[in-house]
Amino acid sequence: MTFTSGLFLLTLGALLVWTLRLVGLLRSVWKRHVLLEELRDCDFCLGFWVYLGLSLVSGETIVEWWPPASYILSALVLAFMFLLGRMGWQTLFQELRVEVNDAFDELRRS
């Protein structure tokens, strides 16, 4: 897997995870079982299955070992990178919201 193809898979997977979580038609599917709801709420879990599918479809793997292990390892690494990116994004903008809310509180008091 080259850097470009890895970045493309990471971006495409992130868009697919985001789409799967927000599409209204799939909400009825998510509510059918408790495990499906937990899968939807877990970024790493849903990301693993999305990236496993993308690895299988594209044929891209991080290492060239026994094919099933290569696809699973690629999905794990990509899902972990997606999780780290998502956590960083949430942390960055959560702190921004806190700072803005604190500024508005100070304005209201004065």
PDB file of N, CA and C in Angstrom:
ATOM      1  N   MET A   1       0.842  -1.163   0.000  1.00  0.00           N
ATOM      2  CA  MET A   1       0.000   0.000   0.000  1.00  0.00           C
ATOM      3  C   MET A   1       0.894   1.234   0.000  1.00  0.00           C
ATOM      4  N   THR A   2       0.660   2.106  -0.923  1.00  0.00           N
ATOM      5  CA  THR A   2       1.413   3.348  -0.968  1.00  0.00           C
ATOM      6  C   THR A   2       0.777   4.365  -0.022  1.00  0.00           C
ATOM      7  N   PHE A   3       1.486   5.447   0.223  1.00  0.00           N
ATOM      8  CA  PHE A   3       0.959   6.493   1.100  1.00  0.00           C
ATOM      9  C   PHE A   3      -0.314   7.085   0.523  1.00  0.00           C
ATOM     10  N   THR A   4      -0.327   7.305  -0.782  1.00  0.00           N
ATOM     11  CA  THR A   4      -1.489   7.903  -1.438  1.00  0.00           C
ATOM     12  C   THR A   4      -2.702   6.992  -1.349  1.00  0.00           C
ATOM     13  N   SER A   5      -2.515   5.714  -1.628  1.00  0.00           N
ATOM     14  CA  SER A   5      -3.658   4.800  -1.568  1.00  0.00           C
ATOM     15  C   SER A   5      -4.131   4.618  -0.122  1.00  0.00           C
ATOM     16  N   GLY A   6      -3.212   4.619   0.826  1.00  0.00           N
ATOM     17  CA  GLY A   6      -3.598   4.536   2.232  1.00  0.00           C
ATOM     18  C   GLY A   6      -4.388   5.747   2.680  1.00  0.00           C
ATOM     19  N   LEU A   7      -3.957   6.919   2.273  1.00  0.00           N
ATOM     20  CA  LEU A   7      -4.669   8.144   2.612  1.00  0.00           C
ATOM     21  C   LEU A   7      -6.048   8.170   1.956  1.00  0.00           C
ATOM     22  N   PHE A   8      -6.112   7.688   0.717  1.00  0.00           N
ATOM     23  CA  PHE A   8      -7.397   7.619   0.023  1.00  0.00           C
ATOM     24  C   PHE A   8      -8.349   6.658   0.749  1.00  0.00           C
ATOM     25  N   LEU A   9      -7.852   5.467   1.129  1.00  0.00           N
ATOM     26  CA  LEU A   9      -8.690   4.504   1.852  1.00  0.00           C
ATOM     27  C   LEU A   9      -9.126   5.056   3.208  1.00  0.00           C
ATOM     28  N   LEU A  10      -8.226   5.740   3.892  1.00  0.00           N
ATOM     29  CA  LEU A  10      -8.553   6.319   5.190  1.00  0.00           C
ATOM     30  C   LEU A  10      -9.657   7.370   5.047  1.00  0.00           C
ATOM     31  N   THR A  11      -9.553   8.216   4.043  1.00  0.00           N
ATOM     32  CA  THR A  11     -10.558   9.254   3.816  1.00  0.00           C
ATOM     33  C   THR A  11     -11.887   8.655   3.378  1.00  0.00           C
ATOM     34  N   LEU A  12     -11.837   7.725   2.442  1.00  0.00           N
ATOM     35  CA  LEU A  12     -13.064   7.091   1.966  1.00  0.00           C
ATOM     36  C   LEU A  12     -13.762   6.330   3.090  1.00  0.00           C
ATOM     37  N   GLY A  13     -12.992   5.635   3.906  1.00  0.00           N
ATOM     38  CA  GLY A  13     -13.568   4.921   5.040  1.00  0.00           C
ATOM     39  C   GLY A  13     -14.203   5.853   6.053  1.00  0.00           C
ATOM     40  N   ALA A  14     -13.552   6.980   6.317  1.00  0.00           N
ATOM     41  CA  ALA A  14     -14.115   7.953   7.263  1.00  0.00           C
ATOM     42  C   ALA A  14     -15.445   8.487   6.743  1.00  0.00           C
ATOM     43  N   LEU A  15     -15.517   8.751   5.444  1.00  0.00           N
ATOM     44  CA  LEU A  15     -16.782   9.216   4.862  1.00  0.00           C
ATOM     45  C   LEU A  15     -17.856   8.136   4.919  1.00  0.00           C
ATOM     46  N   LEU A  16     -17.463   6.884   4.696  1.00  0.00           N
ATOM     47  CA  LEU A  16     -18.431   5.792   4.789  1.00  0.00           C
ATOM     48  C   LEU A  16     -18.939   5.597   6.212  1.00  0.00           C
ATOM     49  N   VAL A  17     -18.048   5.666   7.193  1.00  0.00           N
ATOM     50  CA  VAL A  17     -18.470   5.533   8.591  1.00  0.00           C
ATOM     51  C   VAL A  17     -19.419   6.665   8.948  1.00  0.00           C
ATOM     52  N   TRP A  18     -19.083   7.867   8.563  1.00  0.00           N
ATOM     53  CA  TRP A  18     -19.934   9.029   8.838  1.00  0.00           C
ATOM     54  C   TRP A  18     -21.296   8.864   8.174  1.00  0.00           C
ATOM     55  N   THR A  19     -21.303   8.401   6.931  1.00  0.00           N
ATOM     56  CA  THR A  19     -22.554   8.201   6.201  1.00  0.00           C
ATOM     57  C   THR A  19     -23.395   7.095   6.839  1.00  0.00           C
ATOM     58  N   LEU A  20     -22.761   5.992   7.208  1.00  0.00           N
ATOM     59  CA  LEU A  20     -23.500   4.889   7.822  1.00  0.00           C
ATOM     60  C   LEU A  20     -24.134   5.288   9.151  1.00  0.00           C
ATOM     61  N   ARG A  21     -23.484   6.175   9.861  1.00  0.00           N
ATOM     62  CA  ARG A  21     -24.027   6.599  11.158  1.00  0.00           C
ATOM     63  C   ARG A  21     -25.170   7.588  11.008  1.00  0.00           C
ATOM     64  N   LEU A  22     -25.212   8.342   9.919  1.00  0.00           N
ATOM     65  CA  LEU A  22     -26.181   9.433   9.815  1.00  0.00           C
ATOM     66  C   LEU A  22     -27.334   9.193   8.857  1.00  0.00           C
ATOM     67  N   VAL A  23     -27.226   8.230   7.960  1.00  0.00           N
ATOM     68  CA  VAL A  23     -28.264   8.029   6.955  1.00  0.00           C
ATOM     69  C   VAL A  23     -29.555   7.595   7.636  1.00  0.00           C
ATOM     70  N   GLY A  24     -30.640   8.282   7.331  1.00  0.00           N
ATOM     71  CA  GLY A  24     -31.920   8.003   7.965  1.00  0.00           C
ATOM     72  C   GLY A  24     -32.477   6.626   7.657  1.00  0.00           C
ATOM     73  N   LEU A  25     -32.232   6.111   6.463  1.00  0.00           N
ATOM     74  CA  LEU A  25     -32.754   4.802   6.096  1.00  0.00           C
ATOM     75  C   LEU A  25     -32.154   3.683   6.940  1.00  0.00           C
ATOM     76  N   LEU A  26     -30.937   3.865   7.418  1.00  0.00           N
ATOM     77  CA  LEU A  26     -30.281   2.828   8.195  1.00  0.00           C
ATOM     78  C   LEU A  26     -30.637   2.875   9.681  1.00  0.00           C
ATOM     79  N   ARG A  27     -31.327   3.904  10.111  1.00  0.00           N
ATOM     80  CA  ARG A  27     -31.671   3.999  11.535  1.00  0.00           C
ATOM     81  C   ARG A  27     -32.543   2.835  11.973  1.00  0.00           C
ATOM     82  N   SER A  28     -33.437   2.387  11.094  1.00  0.00           N
ATOM     83  CA  SER A  28     -34.272   1.232  11.451  1.00  0.00           C
ATOM     84  C   SER A  28     -33.433  -0.043  11.546  1.00  0.00           C
ATOM     85  N   VAL A  29     -32.385  -0.138  10.732  1.00  0.00           N
ATOM     86  CA  VAL A  29     -31.503  -1.305  10.794  1.00  0.00           C
ATOM     87  C   VAL A  29     -30.717  -1.295  12.102  1.00  0.00           C
ATOM     88  N   TRP A  30     -30.206  -0.139  12.504  1.00  0.00           N
ATOM     89  CA  TRP A  30     -29.414  -0.038  13.731  1.00  0.00           C
ATOM     90  C   TRP A  30     -30.239  -0.397  14.958  1.00  0.00           C
ATOM     91  N   LYS A  31     -31.554  -0.101  14.935  1.00  0.00           N
ATOM     92  CA  LYS A  31     -32.390  -0.328  16.110  1.00  0.00           C
ATOM     93  C   LYS A  31     -32.894  -1.765  16.231  1.00  0.00           C
ATOM     94  N   ARG A  32     -32.604  -2.609  15.276  1.00  0.00           N
ATOM     95  CA  ARG A  32     -33.119  -3.985  15.312  1.00  0.00           C
ATOM     96  C   ARG A  32     -32.492  -4.836  16.397  1.00  0.00           C
ATOM     97  N   HIS A  33     -31.278  -4.545  16.772  1.00  0.00           N
ATOM     98  CA  HIS A  33     -30.611  -5.347  17.791  1.00  0.00           C
ATOM     99  C   HIS A  33     -29.662  -4.458  18.588  1.00  0.00           C
ATOM    100  N   VAL A  34     -29.483  -4.799  19.851  1.00  0.00           N
ATOM    101  CA  VAL A  34     -28.630  -4.013  20.738  1.00  0.00           C
ATOM    102  C   VAL A  34     -27.185  -4.010  20.237  1.00  0.00           C
ATOM    103  N   LEU A  35     -26.722  -5.139  19.715  1.00  0.00           N
ATOM    104  CA  LEU A  35     -25.341  -5.207  19.217  1.00  0.00           C
ATOM    105  C   LEU A  35     -25.124  -4.278  18.026  1.00  0.00           C
ATOM    106  N   LEU A  36     -26.140  -4.137  17.180  1.00  0.00           N
ATOM    107  CA  LEU A  36     -26.010  -3.223  16.039  1.00  0.00           C
ATOM    108  C   LEU A  36     -25.942  -1.772  16.504  1.00  0.00           C
ATOM    109  N   GLU A  37     -26.691  -1.442  17.555  1.00  0.00           N
ATOM    110  CA  GLU A  37     -26.609  -0.084  18.097  1.00  0.00           C
ATOM    111  C   GLU A  37     -25.236   0.185  18.691  1.00  0.00           C
ATOM    112  N   GLU A  38     -24.681  -0.822  19.377  1.00  0.00           N
ATOM    113  CA  GLU A  38     -23.345  -0.671  19.941  1.00  0.00           C
ATOM    114  C   GLU A  38     -22.298  -0.545  18.839  1.00  0.00           C
ATOM    115  N   LEU A  39     -22.496  -1.286  17.744  1.00  0.00           N
ATOM    116  CA  LEU A  39     -21.580  -1.195  16.606  1.00  0.00           C
ATOM    117  C   LEU A  39     -21.608   0.205  16.019  1.00  0.00           C
ATOM    118  N   ARG A  40     -22.794   0.792  15.904  1.00  0.00           N
ATOM    119  CA  ARG A  40     -22.920   2.138  15.353  1.00  0.00           C
ATOM    120  C   ARG A  40     -22.245   3.174  16.247  1.00  0.00           C
ATOM    121  N   ASP A  41     -22.328   2.984  17.548  1.00  0.00           N
ATOM    122  CA  ASP A  41     -21.779   3.973  18.483  1.00  0.00           C
ATOM    123  C   ASP A  41     -20.276   3.835  18.709  1.00  0.00           C
ATOM    124  N   CYS A  42     -19.683   2.728  18.281  1.00  0.00           N
ATOM    125  CA  CYS A  42     -18.254   2.483  18.483  1.00  0.00           C
ATOM    126  C   CYS A  42     -17.496   2.816  17.193  1.00  0.00           C
ATOM    127  N   ASP A  43     -16.694   3.884  17.224  1.00  0.00           N
ATOM    128  CA  ASP A  43     -15.958   4.299  16.029  1.00  0.00           C
ATOM    129  C   ASP A  43     -14.986   3.223  15.560  1.00  0.00           C
ATOM    130  N   PHE A  44     -14.287   2.603  16.501  1.00  0.00           N
ATOM    131  CA  PHE A  44     -13.300   1.592  16.128  1.00  0.00           C
ATOM    132  C   PHE A  44     -13.978   0.348  15.544  1.00  0.00           C
ATOM    133  N   CYS A  45     -15.094  -0.077  16.148  1.00  0.00           N
ATOM    134  CA  CYS A  45     -15.787  -1.291  15.692  1.00  0.00           C
ATOM    135  C   CYS A  45     -16.351  -1.109  14.284  1.00  0.00           C
ATOM    136  N   LEU A  46     -17.102  -0.051  14.080  1.00  0.00           N
ATOM    137  CA  LEU A  46     -17.678   0.205  12.763  1.00  0.00           C
ATOM    138  C   LEU A  46     -16.577   0.478  11.745  1.00  0.00           C
ATOM    139  N   GLY A  47     -15.544   1.199  12.180  1.00  0.00           N
ATOM    140  CA  GLY A  47     -14.419   1.474  11.292  1.00  0.00           C
ATOM    141  C   GLY A  47     -13.710   0.212  10.855  1.00  0.00           C
ATOM    142  N   PHE A  48     -13.555  -0.750  11.773  1.00  0.00           N
ATOM    143  CA  PHE A  48     -12.905  -2.009  11.400  1.00  0.00           C
ATOM    144  C   PHE A  48     -13.654  -2.701  10.283  1.00  0.00           C
ATOM    145  N   TRP A  49     -14.975  -2.816  10.390  1.00  0.00           N
ATOM    146  CA  TRP A  49     -15.746  -3.526   9.367  1.00  0.00           C
ATOM    147  C   TRP A  49     -15.758  -2.759   8.046  1.00  0.00           C
ATOM    148  N   VAL A  50     -15.823  -1.445   8.118  1.00  0.00           N
ATOM    149  CA  VAL A  50     -15.784  -0.634   6.890  1.00  0.00           C
ATOM    150  C   VAL A  50     -14.429  -0.779   6.217  1.00  0.00           C
ATOM    151  N   TYR A  51     -13.349  -0.673   6.985  1.00  0.00           N
ATOM    152  CA  TYR A  51     -12.006  -0.774   6.402  1.00  0.00           C
ATOM    153  C   TYR A  51     -11.687  -2.191   5.941  1.00  0.00           C
ATOM    154  N   LEU A  52     -12.247  -3.196   6.586  1.00  0.00           N
ATOM    155  CA  LEU A  52     -12.063  -4.563   6.105  1.00  0.00           C
ATOM    156  C   LEU A  52     -12.715  -4.724   4.740  1.00  0.00           C
ATOM    157  N   GLY A  53     -13.916  -4.195   4.594  1.00  0.00           N
ATOM    158  CA  GLY A  53     -14.587  -4.238   3.296  1.00  0.00           C
ATOM    159  C   GLY A  53     -13.830  -3.472   2.229  1.00  0.00           C
ATOM    160  N   LEU A  54     -13.322  -2.295   2.582  1.00  0.00           N
ATOM    161  CA  LEU A  54     -12.552  -1.507   1.613  1.00  0.00           C
ATOM    162  C   LEU A  54     -11.255  -2.215   1.223  1.00  0.00           C
ATOM    163  N   SER A  55     -10.604  -2.844   2.185  1.00  0.00           N
ATOM    164  CA  SER A  55      -9.365  -3.573   1.871  1.00  0.00           C
ATOM    165  C   SER A  55      -9.640  -4.749   0.948  1.00  0.00           C
ATOM    166  N   LEU A  56     -10.734  -5.451   1.213  1.00  0.00           N
ATOM    167  CA  LEU A  56     -11.080  -6.593   0.363  1.00  0.00           C
ATOM    168  C   LEU A  56     -11.447  -6.151  -1.045  1.00  0.00           C
ATOM    169  N   VAL A  57     -12.209  -5.066  -1.156  1.00  0.00           N
ATOM    170  CA  VAL A  57     -12.638  -4.582  -2.476  1.00  0.00           C
ATOM    171  C   VAL A  57     -11.458  -4.015  -3.266  1.00  0.00           C
ATOM    172  N   SER A  58     -10.616  -3.235  -2.583  1.00  0.00           N
ATOM    173  CA  SER A  58      -9.509  -2.586  -3.297  1.00  0.00           C
ATOM    174  C   SER A  58      -8.308  -3.504  -3.484  1.00  0.00           C
ATOM    175  N   GLY A  59      -8.196  -4.520  -2.631  1.00  0.00           N
ATOM    176  CA  GLY A  59      -7.035  -5.410  -2.707  1.00  0.00           C
ATOM    177  C   GLY A  59      -5.785  -4.814  -2.092  1.00  0.00           C
ATOM    178  N   GLU A  60      -5.918  -3.690  -1.402  1.00  0.00           N
ATOM    179  CA  GLU A  60      -4.779  -3.024  -0.768  1.00  0.00           C
ATOM    180  C   GLU A  60      -4.546  -3.585   0.624  1.00  0.00           C
ATOM    181  N   THR A  61      -3.310  -3.948   0.913  1.00  0.00           N
ATOM    182  CA  THR A  61      -2.948  -4.392   2.256  1.00  0.00           C
ATOM    183  C   THR A  61      -1.668  -3.690   2.682  1.00  0.00           C
ATOM    184  N   ILE A  62      -1.457  -3.617   3.975  1.00  0.00           N
ATOM    185  CA  ILE A  62      -0.259  -2.968   4.507  1.00  0.00           C
ATOM    186  C   ILE A  62       0.950  -3.891   4.357  1.00  0.00           C
ATOM    187  N   VAL A  63       0.748  -5.162   4.629  1.00  0.00           N
ATOM    188  CA  VAL A  63       1.820  -6.152   4.506  1.00  0.00           C
ATOM    189  C   VAL A  63       1.346  -7.276   3.588  1.00  0.00           C
ATOM    190  N   GLU A  64       2.298  -7.962   2.995  1.00  0.00           N
ATOM    191  CA  GLU A  64       1.972  -9.072   2.104  1.00  0.00           C
ATOM    192  C   GLU A  64       2.294 -10.387   2.798  1.00  0.00           C
ATOM    193  N   TRP A  65       1.359 -10.852   3.621  1.00  0.00           N
ATOM    194  CA  TRP A  65       1.479 -12.140   4.272  1.00  0.00           C
ATOM    195  C   TRP A  65       0.407 -13.045   3.720  1.00  0.00           C
ATOM    196  N   TRP A  66      -0.032 -13.939   4.561  1.00  0.00           N
ATOM    197  CA  TRP A  66      -1.175 -14.774   4.240  1.00  0.00           C
ATOM    198  C   TRP A  66      -2.374 -13.844   4.046  1.00  0.00           C
ATOM    199  N   PRO A  67      -3.074 -13.884   2.919  1.00  0.00           N
ATOM    200  CA  PRO A  67      -4.087 -12.878   2.585  1.00  0.00           C
ATOM    201  C   PRO A  67      -5.139 -12.576   3.658  1.00  0.00           C
ATOM    202  N   PRO A  68      -5.774 -13.560   4.306  1.00  0.00           N
ATOM    203  CA  PRO A  68      -6.760 -13.162   5.328  1.00  0.00           C
ATOM    204  C   PRO A  68      -6.140 -12.342   6.464  1.00  0.00           C
ATOM    205  N   ALA A  69      -4.957 -12.721   6.907  1.00  0.00           N
ATOM    206  CA  ALA A  69      -4.291 -11.977   7.973  1.00  0.00           C
ATOM    207  C   ALA A  69      -3.890 -10.580   7.495  1.00  0.00           C
ATOM    208  N   SER A  70      -3.481 -10.455   6.244  1.00  0.00           N
ATOM    209  CA  SER A  70      -3.089  -9.149   5.703  1.00  0.00           C
ATOM    210  C   SER A  70      -4.270  -8.189   5.672  1.00  0.00           C
ATOM    211  N   TYR A  71      -5.435  -8.670   5.230  1.00  0.00           N
ATOM    212  CA  TYR A  71      -6.616  -7.808   5.174  1.00  0.00           C
ATOM    213  C   TYR A  71      -7.089  -7.417   6.569  1.00  0.00           C
ATOM    214  N   ILE A  72      -7.056  -8.355   7.501  1.00  0.00           N
ATOM    215  CA  ILE A  72      -7.483  -8.057   8.870  1.00  0.00           C
ATOM    216  C   ILE A  72      -6.531  -7.065   9.525  1.00  0.00           C
ATOM    217  N   LEU A  73      -5.228  -7.262   9.344  1.00  0.00           N
ATOM    218  CA  LEU A  73      -4.245  -6.340   9.909  1.00  0.00           C
ATOM    219  C   LEU A  73      -4.389  -4.947   9.298  1.00  0.00           C
ATOM    220  N   SER A  74      -4.618  -4.882   8.007  1.00  0.00           N
ATOM    221  CA  SER A  74      -4.815  -3.582   7.349  1.00  0.00           C
ATOM    222  C   SER A  74      -6.044  -2.883   7.903  1.00  0.00           C
ATOM    223  N   ALA A  75      -7.128  -3.636   8.086  1.00  0.00           N
ATOM    224  CA  ALA A  75      -8.353  -3.047   8.627  1.00  0.00           C
ATOM    225  C   ALA A  75      -8.136  -2.557  10.055  1.00  0.00           C
ATOM    226  N   LEU A  76      -7.401  -3.324  10.861  1.00  0.00           N
ATOM    227  CA  LEU A  76      -7.127  -2.906  12.241  1.00  0.00           C
ATOM    228  C   LEU A  76      -6.304  -1.624  12.290  1.00  0.00           C
ATOM    229  N   VAL A  77      -5.274  -1.552  11.468  1.00  0.00           N
ATOM    230  CA  VAL A  77      -4.410  -0.368  11.466  1.00  0.00           C
ATOM    231  C   VAL A  77      -5.176   0.858  10.970  1.00  0.00           C
ATOM    232  N   LEU A  78      -5.923   0.702   9.885  1.00  0.00           N
ATOM    233  CA  LEU A  78      -6.687   1.837   9.352  1.00  0.00           C
ATOM    234  C   LEU A  78      -7.776   2.285  10.324  1.00  0.00           C
ATOM    235  N   ALA A  79      -8.456   1.336  10.967  1.00  0.00           N
ATOM    236  CA  ALA A  79      -9.493   1.699  11.944  1.00  0.00           C
ATOM    237  C   ALA A  79      -8.878   2.416  13.142  1.00  0.00           C
ATOM    238  N   PHE A  80      -7.695   1.977  13.572  1.00  0.00           N
ATOM    239  CA  PHE A  80      -7.027   2.638  14.683  1.00  0.00           C
ATOM    240  C   PHE A  80      -6.608   4.056  14.294  1.00  0.00           C
ATOM    241  N   MET A  81      -6.104   4.234  13.078  1.00  0.00           N
ATOM    242  CA  MET A  81      -5.736   5.579  12.614  1.00  0.00           C
ATOM    243  C   MET A  81      -6.976   6.474  12.522  1.00  0.00           C
ATOM    244  N   PHE A  82      -8.081   5.901  12.055  1.00  0.00           N
ATOM    245  CA  PHE A  82      -9.344   6.645  11.991  1.00  0.00           C
ATOM    246  C   PHE A  82      -9.791   7.053  13.392  1.00  0.00           C
ATOM    247  N   LEU A  83      -9.683   6.126  14.347  1.00  0.00           N
ATOM    248  CA  LEU A  83     -10.072   6.420  15.724  1.00  0.00           C
ATOM    249  C   LEU A  83      -9.220   7.535  16.316  1.00  0.00           C
ATOM    250  N   LEU A  84      -7.910   7.483  16.089  1.00  0.00           N
ATOM    251  CA  LEU A  84      -7.030   8.542  16.597  1.00  0.00           C
ATOM    252  C   LEU A  84      -7.362   9.885  15.976  1.00  0.00           C
ATOM    253  N   GLY A  85      -7.627   9.896  14.682  1.00  0.00           N
ATOM    254  CA  GLY A  85      -8.005  11.142  14.014  1.00  0.00           C
ATOM    255  C   GLY A  85      -9.324  11.689  14.533  1.00  0.00           C
ATOM    256  N   ARG A  86     -10.270  10.811  14.736  1.00  0.00           N
ATOM    257  CA  ARG A  86     -11.577  11.238  15.236  1.00  0.00           C
ATOM    258  C   ARG A  86     -11.472  11.776  16.666  1.00  0.00           C
ATOM    259  N   MET A  87     -10.700  11.091  17.505  1.00  0.00           N
ATOM    260  CA  MET A  87     -10.522  11.554  18.890  1.00  0.00           C
ATOM    261  C   MET A  87      -9.819  12.912  18.913  1.00  0.00           C
ATOM    262  N   GLY A  88      -8.830  13.086  18.064  1.00  0.00           N
ATOM    263  CA  GLY A  88      -8.139  14.369  17.994  1.00  0.00           C
ATOM    264  C   GLY A  88      -9.049  15.487  17.532  1.00  0.00           C
ATOM    265  N   TRP A  89      -9.874  15.201  16.535  1.00  0.00           N
ATOM    266  CA  TRP A  89     -10.816  16.186  16.021  1.00  0.00           C
ATOM    267  C   TRP A  89     -11.810  16.592  17.106  1.00  0.00           C
ATOM    268  N   GLN A  90     -12.364  15.606  17.810  1.00  0.00           N
ATOM    269  CA  GLN A  90     -13.332  15.903  18.871  1.00  0.00           C
ATOM    270  C   GLN A  90     -12.680  16.682  20.005  1.00  0.00           C
ATOM    271  N   THR A  91     -11.472  16.318  20.372  1.00  0.00           N
ATOM    272  CA  THR A  91     -10.784  17.014  21.449  1.00  0.00           C
ATOM    273  C   THR A  91     -10.503  18.460  21.068  1.00  0.00           C
ATOM    274  N   LEU A  92     -10.075  18.684  19.858  1.00  0.00           N
ATOM    275  CA  LEU A  92      -9.760  20.030  19.397  1.00  0.00           C
ATOM    276  C   LEU A  92     -10.987  20.930  19.424  1.00  0.00           C
ATOM    277  N   PHE A  93     -12.089  20.449  18.887  1.00  0.00           N
ATOM    278  CA  PHE A  93     -13.268  21.305  18.783  1.00  0.00           C
ATOM    279  C   PHE A  93     -14.128  21.299  20.036  1.00  0.00           C
ATOM    280  N   GLN A  94     -13.982  20.300  20.893  1.00  0.00           N
ATOM    281  CA  GLN A  94     -14.663  20.333  22.172  1.00  0.00           C
ATOM    282  C   GLN A  94     -14.074  21.436  23.044  1.00  0.00           C
ATOM    283  N   GLU A  95     -12.766  21.557  23.041  1.00  0.00           N
ATOM    284  CA  GLU A  95     -12.118  22.601  23.820  1.00  0.00           C
ATOM    285  C   GLU A  95     -12.488  23.978  23.287  1.00  0.00           C
ATOM    286  N   LEU A  96     -12.655  24.089  21.979  1.00  0.00           N
ATOM    287  CA  LEU A  96     -13.041  25.364  21.387  1.00  0.00           C
ATOM    288  C   LEU A  96     -14.435  25.759  21.852  1.00  0.00           C
ATOM    289  N   ARG A  97     -15.365  24.797  21.902  1.00  0.00           N
ATOM    290  CA  ARG A  97     -16.709  25.079  22.379  1.00  0.00           C
ATOM    291  C   ARG A  97     -16.699  25.493  23.846  1.00  0.00           C
ATOM    292  N   VAL A  98     -15.860  24.871  24.639  1.00  0.00           N
ATOM    293  CA  VAL A  98     -15.772  25.210  26.060  1.00  0.00           C
ATOM    294  C   VAL A  98     -15.273  26.640  26.212  1.00  0.00           C
ATOM    295  N   GLU A  99     -14.265  27.017  25.447  1.00  0.00           N
ATOM    296  CA  GLU A  99     -13.729  28.369  25.535  1.00  0.00           C
ATOM    297  C   GLU A  99     -14.768  29.392  25.108  1.00  0.00           C
ATOM    298  N   VAL A 100     -15.534  29.106  24.058  1.00  0.00           N
ATOM    299  CA  VAL A 100     -16.556  30.042  23.595  1.00  0.00           C
ATOM    300  C   VAL A 100     -17.657  30.154  24.636  1.00  0.00           C
ATOM    301  N   ASN A 101     -18.092  29.040  25.214  1.00  0.00           N
ATOM    302  CA  ASN A 101     -19.130  29.091  26.247  1.00  0.00           C
ATOM    303  C   ASN A 101     -18.665  29.864  27.467  1.00  0.00           C
ATOM    304  N   ASP A 102     -17.410  29.697  27.884  1.00  0.00           N
ATOM    305  CA  ASP A 102     -16.884  30.444  29.020  1.00  0.00           C
ATOM    306  C   ASP A 102     -16.861  31.942  28.723  1.00  0.00           C
ATOM    307  N   ALA A 103     -16.533  32.297  27.486  1.00  0.00           N
ATOM    308  CA  ALA A 103     -16.508  33.723  27.117  1.00  0.00           C
ATOM    309  C   ALA A 103     -17.900  34.305  27.175  1.00  0.00           C
ATOM    310  N   PHE A 104     -18.927  33.562  26.728  1.00  0.00           N
ATOM    311  CA  PHE A 104     -20.290  34.063  26.784  1.00  0.00           C
ATOM    312  C   PHE A 104     -20.773  34.175  28.230  1.00  0.00           C
ATOM    313  N   ASP A 105     -20.377  33.257  29.084  1.00  0.00           N
ATOM    314  CA  ASP A 105     -20.750  33.336  30.491  1.00  0.00           C
ATOM    315  C   ASP A 105     -20.175  34.591  31.138  1.00  0.00           C
ATOM    316  N   GLU A 106     -18.943  34.924  30.811  1.00  0.00           N
ATOM    317  CA  GLU A 106     -18.312  36.105  31.369  1.00  0.00           C
ATOM    318  C   GLU A 106     -19.015  37.376  30.871  1.00  0.00           C
ATOM    319  N   LEU A 107     -19.437  37.376  29.614  1.00  0.00           N
ATOM    320  CA  LEU A 107     -20.162  38.544  29.081  1.00  0.00           C
ATOM    321  C   LEU A 107     -21.515  38.723  29.765  1.00  0.00           C
ATOM    322  N   ARG A 108     -22.186  37.617  30.055  1.00  0.00           N
ATOM    323  CA  ARG A 108     -23.492  37.701  30.706  1.00  0.00           C
ATOM    324  C   ARG A 108     -23.369  38.238  32.131  1.00  0.00           C
ATOM    325  N   ARG A 109     -22.309  37.865  32.813  1.00  0.00           N
ATOM    326  CA  ARG A 109     -22.128  38.299  34.202  1.00  0.00           C
ATOM    327  C   ARG A 109     -21.850  39.803  34.308  1.00  0.00           C
ATOM    328  N   SER A 110     -21.193  40.354  33.303  1.00  0.00           N
ATOM    329  CA  SER A 110     -20.802  41.774  33.410  1.00  0.00           C
ATOM    330  C   SER A 110     -21.879  42.722  32.978  1.00  0.00           C
TER     331      SER A 110
END
